[in-house]
Amino acid sequence: MIVYDRLWITLKKKNVSQYALIKDYGIDKAQLQRLRKNMVVKTVILNRLCSILDCKIEDIMEFVPDEDIK
């Protein structure tokens, strides 16, 4: 399963709020909700987040085998 726990850490490190993602960068609230729930997100959104945060994909997501998920 892909999880986005690293996104929230990277946002904090880069001092970018979820509010800024919505208001300043045009990220849809529904997409942030999908990220919070580790749901399917389009790669275009992941690409935009990497561009906004000037980071690599592994800074916002990781693969966790299903048996390791609590």
N, C-alpha and C. Protein backbone atom coordinates (compact mmCIF):
# COMPACT_ATOMS: atom_id res chain seq x y z
N MET A 1 0.84 -1.17 0.00
CA MET A 1 0.00 0.00 0.00
C MET A 1 0.89 1.24 0.00
N ILE A 2 0.50 2.23 -0.74
CA ILE A 2 1.20 3.51 -0.75
C ILE A 2 0.61 4.37 0.36
N VAL A 3 1.50 4.94 1.18
CA VAL A 3 1.06 5.84 2.26
C VAL A 3 1.74 7.19 2.08
N TYR A 4 1.07 8.22 2.52
CA TYR A 4 1.54 9.59 2.32
C TYR A 4 1.95 10.27 3.62
N ASP A 5 2.33 9.49 4.63
CA ASP A 5 2.74 10.06 5.91
C ASP A 5 3.91 11.02 5.76
N ARG A 6 4.80 10.73 4.84
CA ARG A 6 5.97 11.58 4.64
C ARG A 6 5.60 12.96 4.10
N LEU A 7 4.47 13.07 3.43
CA LEU A 7 4.03 14.37 2.91
C LEU A 7 3.87 15.37 4.04
N TRP A 8 3.23 14.96 5.10
CA TRP A 8 2.94 15.87 6.22
C TRP A 8 4.24 16.31 6.91
N ILE A 9 5.20 15.41 6.97
CA ILE A 9 6.51 15.74 7.54
C ILE A 9 7.23 16.74 6.64
N THR A 10 7.18 16.50 5.33
CA THR A 10 7.84 17.39 4.38
C THR A 10 7.18 18.77 4.37
N LEU A 11 5.87 18.81 4.46
CA LEU A 11 5.18 20.10 4.53
C LEU A 11 5.69 20.90 5.72
N LYS A 12 5.79 20.25 6.86
CA LYS A 12 6.26 20.92 8.07
C LYS A 12 7.70 21.40 7.90
N LYS A 13 8.57 20.54 7.35
CA LYS A 13 9.98 20.91 7.14
C LYS A 13 10.11 22.10 6.20
N LYS A 14 9.26 22.13 5.17
CA LYS A 14 9.32 23.20 4.16
C LYS A 14 8.49 24.42 4.57
N ASN A 15 7.84 24.32 5.72
CA ASN A 15 7.01 25.41 6.25
C ASN A 15 5.90 25.81 5.27
N VAL A 16 5.24 24.80 4.71
CA VAL A 16 4.12 25.02 3.80
C VAL A 16 2.88 24.40 4.45
N SER A 17 1.85 25.20 4.59
CA SER A 17 0.62 24.71 5.23
C SER A 17 -0.33 24.11 4.19
N GLN A 18 -1.26 23.33 4.68
CA GLN A 18 -2.29 22.79 3.80
C GLN A 18 -3.13 23.94 3.23
N TYR A 19 -3.33 24.96 4.03
CA TYR A 19 -4.06 26.14 3.57
C TYR A 19 -3.34 26.77 2.37
N ALA A 20 -2.02 26.87 2.46
CA ALA A 20 -1.24 27.44 1.35
C ALA A 20 -1.35 26.57 0.10
N LEU A 21 -1.33 25.25 0.28
CA LEU A 21 -1.48 24.36 -0.87
C LEU A 21 -2.80 24.64 -1.59
N ILE A 22 -3.84 24.87 -0.81
CA ILE A 22 -5.17 25.11 -1.39
C ILE A 22 -5.25 26.51 -2.00
N LYS A 23 -4.92 27.53 -1.22
CA LYS A 23 -5.12 28.92 -1.65
C LYS A 23 -4.04 29.43 -2.61
N ASP A 24 -2.79 29.11 -2.32
CA ASP A 24 -1.69 29.67 -3.12
C ASP A 24 -1.32 28.82 -4.33
N TYR A 25 -1.50 27.51 -4.20
CA TYR A 25 -1.04 26.60 -5.26
C TYR A 25 -2.17 25.87 -5.98
N GLY A 26 -3.40 26.06 -5.54
CA GLY A 26 -4.54 25.50 -6.25
C GLY A 26 -4.74 24.00 -6.11
N ILE A 27 -4.17 23.41 -5.06
CA ILE A 27 -4.42 21.99 -4.80
C ILE A 27 -5.83 21.86 -4.23
N ASP A 28 -6.61 20.99 -4.80
CA ASP A 28 -7.99 20.82 -4.38
C ASP A 28 -8.08 20.19 -2.99
N LYS A 29 -9.03 20.68 -2.19
CA LYS A 29 -9.25 20.14 -0.84
C LYS A 29 -9.53 18.64 -0.88
N ALA A 30 -10.25 18.21 -1.89
CA ALA A 30 -10.59 16.79 -2.01
C ALA A 30 -9.33 15.95 -2.22
N GLN A 31 -8.36 16.49 -2.94
CA GLN A 31 -7.10 15.76 -3.15
C GLN A 31 -6.33 15.62 -1.84
N LEU A 32 -6.32 16.68 -1.03
CA LEU A 32 -5.66 16.59 0.27
C LEU A 32 -6.36 15.56 1.16
N GLN A 33 -7.67 15.52 1.08
CA GLN A 33 -8.42 14.53 1.85
C GLN A 33 -8.05 13.11 1.40
N ARG A 34 -7.91 12.91 0.11
CA ARG A 34 -7.52 11.60 -0.42
C ARG A 34 -6.11 11.23 0.07
N LEU A 35 -5.23 12.21 0.12
CA LEU A 35 -3.87 11.97 0.62
C LEU A 35 -3.90 11.61 2.11
N ARG A 36 -4.73 12.31 2.88
CA ARG A 36 -4.85 12.02 4.31
C ARG A 36 -5.31 10.58 4.55
N LYS A 37 -6.19 10.10 3.68
CA LYS A 37 -6.76 8.76 3.84
C LYS A 37 -5.98 7.70 3.06
N ASN A 38 -4.84 8.07 2.51
CA ASN A 38 -4.00 7.15 1.72
C ASN A 38 -4.79 6.49 0.58
N MET A 39 -5.62 7.28 -0.06
CA MET A 39 -6.41 6.80 -1.18
C MET A 39 -5.65 7.06 -2.49
N VAL A 40 -6.22 6.60 -3.58
CA VAL A 40 -5.62 6.78 -4.91
C VAL A 40 -5.57 8.28 -5.24
N VAL A 41 -4.40 8.72 -5.70
CA VAL A 41 -4.20 10.11 -6.11
C VAL A 41 -3.53 10.08 -7.48
N LYS A 42 -3.97 10.96 -8.35
CA LYS A 42 -3.39 11.02 -9.70
C LYS A 42 -1.92 11.46 -9.64
N THR A 43 -1.14 10.94 -10.56
CA THR A 43 0.28 11.27 -10.59
C THR A 43 0.52 12.76 -10.87
N VAL A 44 -0.40 13.40 -11.55
CA VAL A 44 -0.25 14.84 -11.81
C VAL A 44 -0.25 15.61 -10.49
N ILE A 45 -1.02 15.17 -9.51
CA ILE A 45 -1.05 15.82 -8.19
C ILE A 45 0.28 15.58 -7.48
N LEU A 46 0.78 14.36 -7.54
CA LEU A 46 2.07 14.06 -6.91
C LEU A 46 3.18 14.87 -7.56
N ASN A 47 3.13 15.01 -8.87
CA ASN A 47 4.11 15.82 -9.59
C ASN A 47 4.06 17.27 -9.14
N ARG A 48 2.86 17.81 -9.01
CA ARG A 48 2.71 19.21 -8.57
C ARG A 48 3.22 19.39 -7.16
N LEU A 49 2.93 18.43 -6.27
CA LEU A 49 3.42 18.53 -4.90
C LEU A 49 4.94 18.52 -4.86
N CYS A 50 5.55 17.66 -5.64
CA CYS A 50 7.02 17.62 -5.70
C CYS A 50 7.58 18.95 -6.21
N SER A 51 6.93 19.54 -7.19
CA SER A 51 7.37 20.83 -7.72
C SER A 51 7.20 21.94 -6.68
N ILE A 52 6.06 21.97 -6.05
CA ILE A 52 5.77 22.98 -5.03
C ILE A 52 6.76 22.89 -3.87
N LEU A 53 7.01 21.67 -3.42
CA LEU A 53 7.85 21.46 -2.24
C LEU A 53 9.33 21.30 -2.58
N ASP A 54 9.64 21.30 -3.89
CA ASP A 54 11.02 21.10 -4.35
C ASP A 54 11.63 19.87 -3.67
N CYS A 55 10.95 18.74 -3.87
CA CYS A 55 11.38 17.51 -3.22
C CYS A 55 11.25 16.33 -4.18
N LYS A 56 11.72 15.19 -3.74
CA LYS A 56 11.60 13.95 -4.51
C LYS A 56 10.34 13.21 -4.07
N ILE A 57 9.89 12.31 -4.91
CA ILE A 57 8.66 11.56 -4.63
C ILE A 57 8.75 10.80 -3.31
N GLU A 58 9.94 10.29 -2.99
CA GLU A 58 10.08 9.54 -1.73
C GLU A 58 9.98 10.44 -0.50
N ASP A 59 9.97 11.76 -0.70
CA ASP A 59 9.77 12.69 0.41
C ASP A 59 8.29 12.86 0.75
N ILE A 60 7.42 12.37 -0.13
CA ILE A 60 5.99 12.54 0.14
C ILE A 60 5.21 11.22 0.20
N MET A 61 5.82 10.14 -0.25
CA MET A 61 5.10 8.87 -0.21
C MET A 61 6.07 7.71 -0.04
N GLU A 62 5.54 6.58 0.41
CA GLU A 62 6.35 5.36 0.51
C GLU A 62 5.45 4.15 0.37
N PHE A 63 6.07 3.05 -0.03
CA PHE A 63 5.37 1.78 -0.13
C PHE A 63 5.56 1.03 1.18
N VAL A 64 4.44 0.58 1.74
CA VAL A 64 4.45 -0.24 2.95
C VAL A 64 3.70 -1.52 2.63
N PRO A 65 4.34 -2.68 2.78
CA PRO A 65 3.63 -3.94 2.52
C PRO A 65 2.36 -4.02 3.38
N ASP A 66 1.31 -4.58 2.82
CA ASP A 66 0.02 -4.64 3.52
C ASP A 66 0.12 -5.26 4.90
N GLU A 67 0.98 -6.26 5.08
CA GLU A 67 1.06 -6.92 6.39
C GLU A 67 1.70 -6.01 7.45
N ASP A 68 2.37 -4.93 7.03
CA ASP A 68 2.99 -4.00 7.97
C ASP A 68 2.06 -2.87 8.40
N ILE A 69 0.90 -2.78 7.77
CA ILE A 69 -0.05 -1.71 8.08
C ILE A 69 -0.88 -2.11 9.28
N LYS A 70 -0.99 -1.18 10.21
CA LYS A 70 -1.73 -1.45 11.45
C LYS A 70 -3.20 -1.16 11.27
